[in-house]
């Protein structure tokens, strides 16, 4: 399940992101946003237990709380 505002410490709440992790294709901790590092492409992200296809544009950040990505070009921001 996606994290709510109460699930973050004070330090995490005031910082935009405190950690970046490259997607592995396996389940990971729910992130605060995703960043597309590679070429723009259709990527399947697992959001709240459902697989959803998104068109992600290179260099952009999206406020999507995901736990899995079909592409290792995606960076999870925490």
N, C-alpha and C. Protein backbone atom coordinates (compact mmCIF):
# COMPACT_ATOMS: atom_id res chain seq x y z
N UNK A 1 0.84 -1.18 0.00
CA UNK A 1 0.00 0.00 0.00
C UNK A 1 0.89 1.24 0.00
N UNK A 2 0.44 2.28 -0.66
CA UNK A 2 1.19 3.52 -0.75
C UNK A 2 1.33 4.16 0.62
N UNK A 3 2.46 4.84 0.83
CA UNK A 3 2.68 5.53 2.09
C UNK A 3 1.89 6.82 2.15
N UNK A 4 1.43 7.15 3.32
CA UNK A 4 0.75 8.42 3.54
C UNK A 4 1.72 9.40 4.18
N UNK A 5 1.30 10.64 4.32
CA UNK A 5 2.18 11.68 4.87
C UNK A 5 2.62 11.34 6.30
N UNK A 6 1.81 10.63 7.05
CA UNK A 6 2.15 10.28 8.43
C UNK A 6 3.19 9.16 8.52
N UNK A 7 3.49 8.52 7.40
CA UNK A 7 4.43 7.41 7.39
C UNK A 7 5.88 7.84 7.25
N UNK A 8 6.14 9.15 7.13
CA UNK A 8 7.50 9.66 6.95
C UNK A 8 7.97 10.38 8.21
N UNK A 9 9.27 10.28 8.49
CA UNK A 9 9.85 11.03 9.60
C UNK A 9 9.86 12.51 9.24
N UNK A 10 10.10 13.38 10.21
CA UNK A 10 10.15 14.82 9.95
C UNK A 10 11.21 15.15 8.91
N UNK A 11 12.38 14.50 9.00
CA UNK A 11 13.46 14.76 8.04
C UNK A 11 13.03 14.37 6.62
N UNK A 12 12.37 13.23 6.48
CA UNK A 12 11.91 12.80 5.16
C UNK A 12 10.79 13.71 4.63
N UNK A 13 9.97 14.23 5.53
CA UNK A 13 8.84 15.05 5.12
C UNK A 13 9.27 16.38 4.52
N UNK A 14 10.34 16.96 5.02
CA UNK A 14 10.76 18.28 4.53
C UNK A 14 11.74 18.19 3.36
N UNK A 15 12.36 17.05 3.15
CA UNK A 15 13.28 16.87 2.03
C UNK A 15 12.49 16.30 0.85
N UNK A 16 12.74 16.79 -0.36
CA UNK A 16 12.01 16.24 -1.50
C UNK A 16 12.22 14.72 -1.61
N UNK A 17 13.47 14.31 -1.59
CA UNK A 17 13.81 12.88 -1.64
C UNK A 17 15.10 12.68 -0.86
N UNK A 18 15.20 11.57 -0.16
CA UNK A 18 16.39 11.32 0.65
C UNK A 18 17.22 10.15 0.12
N UNK A 19 16.68 9.43 -0.89
CA UNK A 19 17.39 8.27 -1.41
C UNK A 19 16.87 7.96 -2.81
N UNK A 20 17.75 7.49 -3.68
CA UNK A 20 17.38 7.06 -5.02
C UNK A 20 17.92 5.65 -5.24
N UNK A 21 17.05 4.77 -5.77
CA UNK A 21 17.42 3.38 -5.99
C UNK A 21 16.97 2.96 -7.39
N UNK A 22 17.86 2.37 -8.16
CA UNK A 22 17.52 1.89 -9.49
C UNK A 22 16.59 0.69 -9.36
N UNK A 23 15.53 0.68 -10.15
CA UNK A 23 14.57 -0.43 -10.15
C UNK A 23 15.28 -1.72 -10.58
N UNK A 24 14.92 -2.82 -9.93
CA UNK A 24 15.56 -4.10 -10.21
C UNK A 24 14.67 -5.04 -11.02
N UNK A 25 13.39 -4.71 -11.15
CA UNK A 25 12.45 -5.63 -11.79
C UNK A 25 11.77 -6.53 -10.79
N UNK A 26 12.22 -6.48 -9.54
CA UNK A 26 11.61 -7.24 -8.44
C UNK A 26 10.88 -6.28 -7.51
N UNK A 27 10.08 -6.83 -6.59
CA UNK A 27 9.38 -6.00 -5.62
C UNK A 27 10.39 -5.25 -4.76
N UNK A 28 10.10 -3.97 -4.54
CA UNK A 28 10.93 -3.10 -3.70
C UNK A 28 10.01 -2.32 -2.77
N UNK A 29 10.60 -1.56 -1.84
CA UNK A 29 9.79 -0.71 -0.97
C UNK A 29 9.06 0.33 -1.81
N UNK A 30 7.87 0.72 -1.33
CA UNK A 30 7.09 1.75 -2.04
C UNK A 30 7.87 3.07 -2.04
N UNK A 31 7.98 3.67 -3.21
CA UNK A 31 8.72 4.92 -3.34
C UNK A 31 7.78 6.12 -3.27
N UNK A 32 8.36 7.31 -3.21
CA UNK A 32 7.57 8.55 -3.21
C UNK A 32 7.34 9.06 -4.62
N UNK A 33 8.26 8.74 -5.54
CA UNK A 33 8.17 9.17 -6.93
C UNK A 33 9.08 8.30 -7.78
N UNK A 34 8.89 8.37 -9.10
CA UNK A 34 9.77 7.65 -10.01
C UNK A 34 10.39 8.64 -10.99
N UNK A 35 11.61 8.34 -11.41
CA UNK A 35 12.34 9.16 -12.38
C UNK A 35 12.72 8.25 -13.54
N UNK A 36 12.47 8.71 -14.76
CA UNK A 36 12.84 7.92 -15.94
C UNK A 36 14.24 8.33 -16.36
N UNK A 37 15.19 7.41 -16.21
CA UNK A 37 16.58 7.68 -16.49
C UNK A 37 16.95 7.34 -17.93
N UNK A 38 16.28 6.36 -18.50
CA UNK A 38 16.62 5.90 -19.85
C UNK A 38 15.75 6.56 -20.91
N UNK A 39 15.71 5.94 -22.07
CA UNK A 39 14.92 6.43 -23.19
C UNK A 39 13.43 6.40 -22.84
N UNK A 40 12.70 7.39 -23.32
CA UNK A 40 11.25 7.42 -23.10
C UNK A 40 10.64 6.11 -23.58
N UNK A 41 9.75 5.54 -22.77
CA UNK A 41 9.18 4.24 -23.11
C UNK A 41 7.94 3.95 -22.29
N UNK A 42 7.19 2.95 -22.75
CA UNK A 42 6.07 2.45 -21.96
C UNK A 42 6.64 1.51 -20.91
N UNK A 43 6.33 1.79 -19.66
CA UNK A 43 6.85 1.01 -18.53
C UNK A 43 5.68 0.56 -17.67
N UNK A 44 5.71 -0.69 -17.24
CA UNK A 44 4.68 -1.19 -16.34
C UNK A 44 5.17 -1.02 -14.92
N UNK A 45 4.40 -0.26 -14.12
CA UNK A 45 4.71 -0.05 -12.72
C UNK A 45 3.65 -0.74 -11.86
N UNK A 46 4.07 -1.31 -10.75
CA UNK A 46 3.12 -1.88 -9.81
C UNK A 46 2.76 -0.81 -8.80
N UNK A 47 1.50 -0.41 -8.81
CA UNK A 47 0.99 0.65 -7.94
C UNK A 47 -0.14 0.08 -7.09
N UNK A 48 0.05 0.06 -5.78
CA UNK A 48 -0.96 -0.45 -4.85
C UNK A 48 -1.42 -1.85 -5.25
N UNK A 49 -0.47 -2.69 -5.69
CA UNK A 49 -0.76 -4.08 -6.02
C UNK A 49 -1.25 -4.33 -7.44
N UNK A 50 -1.45 -3.28 -8.23
CA UNK A 50 -1.92 -3.43 -9.61
C UNK A 50 -0.83 -3.02 -10.60
N UNK A 51 -0.70 -3.79 -11.68
CA UNK A 51 0.26 -3.45 -12.73
C UNK A 51 -0.40 -2.49 -13.71
N UNK A 52 0.22 -1.31 -13.88
CA UNK A 52 -0.33 -0.26 -14.74
C UNK A 52 0.75 0.20 -15.70
N UNK A 53 0.40 0.32 -16.98
CA UNK A 53 1.34 0.79 -18.00
C UNK A 53 1.33 2.32 -18.05
N UNK A 54 2.52 2.91 -17.99
CA UNK A 54 2.69 4.36 -18.08
C UNK A 54 3.68 4.66 -19.19
N UNK A 55 3.47 5.76 -19.91
CA UNK A 55 4.47 6.24 -20.86
C UNK A 55 5.32 7.24 -20.09
N UNK A 56 6.58 6.88 -19.81
CA UNK A 56 7.48 7.75 -19.05
C UNK A 56 8.46 8.42 -19.99
N UNK A 57 8.63 9.72 -19.83
CA UNK A 57 9.51 10.50 -20.68
C UNK A 57 10.86 10.69 -19.98
N UNK A 58 11.93 10.47 -20.75
CA UNK A 58 13.29 10.55 -20.21
C UNK A 58 13.52 11.89 -19.48
N UNK A 59 14.11 11.79 -18.29
CA UNK A 59 14.47 12.98 -17.52
C UNK A 59 13.36 13.55 -16.65
N UNK A 60 12.17 12.97 -16.70
CA UNK A 60 11.06 13.48 -15.91
C UNK A 60 10.84 12.67 -14.64
N UNK A 61 10.33 13.36 -13.62
CA UNK A 61 9.93 12.71 -12.37
C UNK A 61 8.42 12.70 -12.30
N UNK A 62 7.89 11.61 -11.76
CA UNK A 62 6.45 11.44 -11.65
C UNK A 62 6.09 11.10 -10.21
N UNK A 63 5.10 11.78 -9.63
CA UNK A 63 4.71 11.50 -8.24
C UNK A 63 3.87 10.24 -8.13
N UNK A 64 4.49 9.11 -8.44
CA UNK A 64 3.81 7.81 -8.43
C UNK A 64 4.48 6.94 -7.36
N UNK A 65 3.71 6.40 -6.46
CA UNK A 65 4.24 5.50 -5.43
C UNK A 65 4.16 4.07 -5.97
N UNK A 66 5.27 3.56 -6.44
CA UNK A 66 5.32 2.23 -7.06
C UNK A 66 6.22 1.30 -6.24
N UNK A 67 6.02 0.00 -6.42
CA UNK A 67 6.84 -0.99 -5.73
C UNK A 67 7.63 -1.86 -6.71
N UNK A 68 7.32 -1.78 -8.01
CA UNK A 68 8.01 -2.61 -8.99
C UNK A 68 7.93 -1.93 -10.35
N UNK A 69 8.97 -2.12 -11.17
CA UNK A 69 9.02 -1.57 -12.51
C UNK A 69 9.47 -2.65 -13.49
N UNK A 70 8.91 -2.60 -14.69
CA UNK A 70 9.32 -3.56 -15.72
C UNK A 70 10.63 -3.14 -16.38
N UNK A 71 11.11 -1.93 -16.06
CA UNK A 71 12.33 -1.41 -16.68
C UNK A 71 13.37 -1.04 -15.61
N UNK A 72 14.62 -1.37 -15.87
CA UNK A 72 15.69 -0.97 -14.96
C UNK A 72 16.18 0.46 -15.28
N UNK A 73 15.52 1.13 -16.21
CA UNK A 73 15.83 2.53 -16.50
C UNK A 73 15.07 3.47 -15.57
N UNK A 74 14.22 2.91 -14.73
CA UNK A 74 13.44 3.70 -13.77
C UNK A 74 14.21 3.78 -12.46
N UNK A 75 14.21 4.96 -11.85
CA UNK A 75 14.83 5.16 -10.55
C UNK A 75 13.73 5.48 -9.56
N UNK A 76 13.67 4.72 -8.46
CA UNK A 76 12.71 4.97 -7.39
C UNK A 76 13.29 6.03 -6.45
N UNK A 77 12.51 7.05 -6.19
CA UNK A 77 12.94 8.13 -5.29
C UNK A 77 12.20 7.99 -3.97
N UNK A 78 12.98 8.03 -2.88
CA UNK A 78 12.42 7.86 -1.52
C UNK A 78 12.61 9.12 -0.72
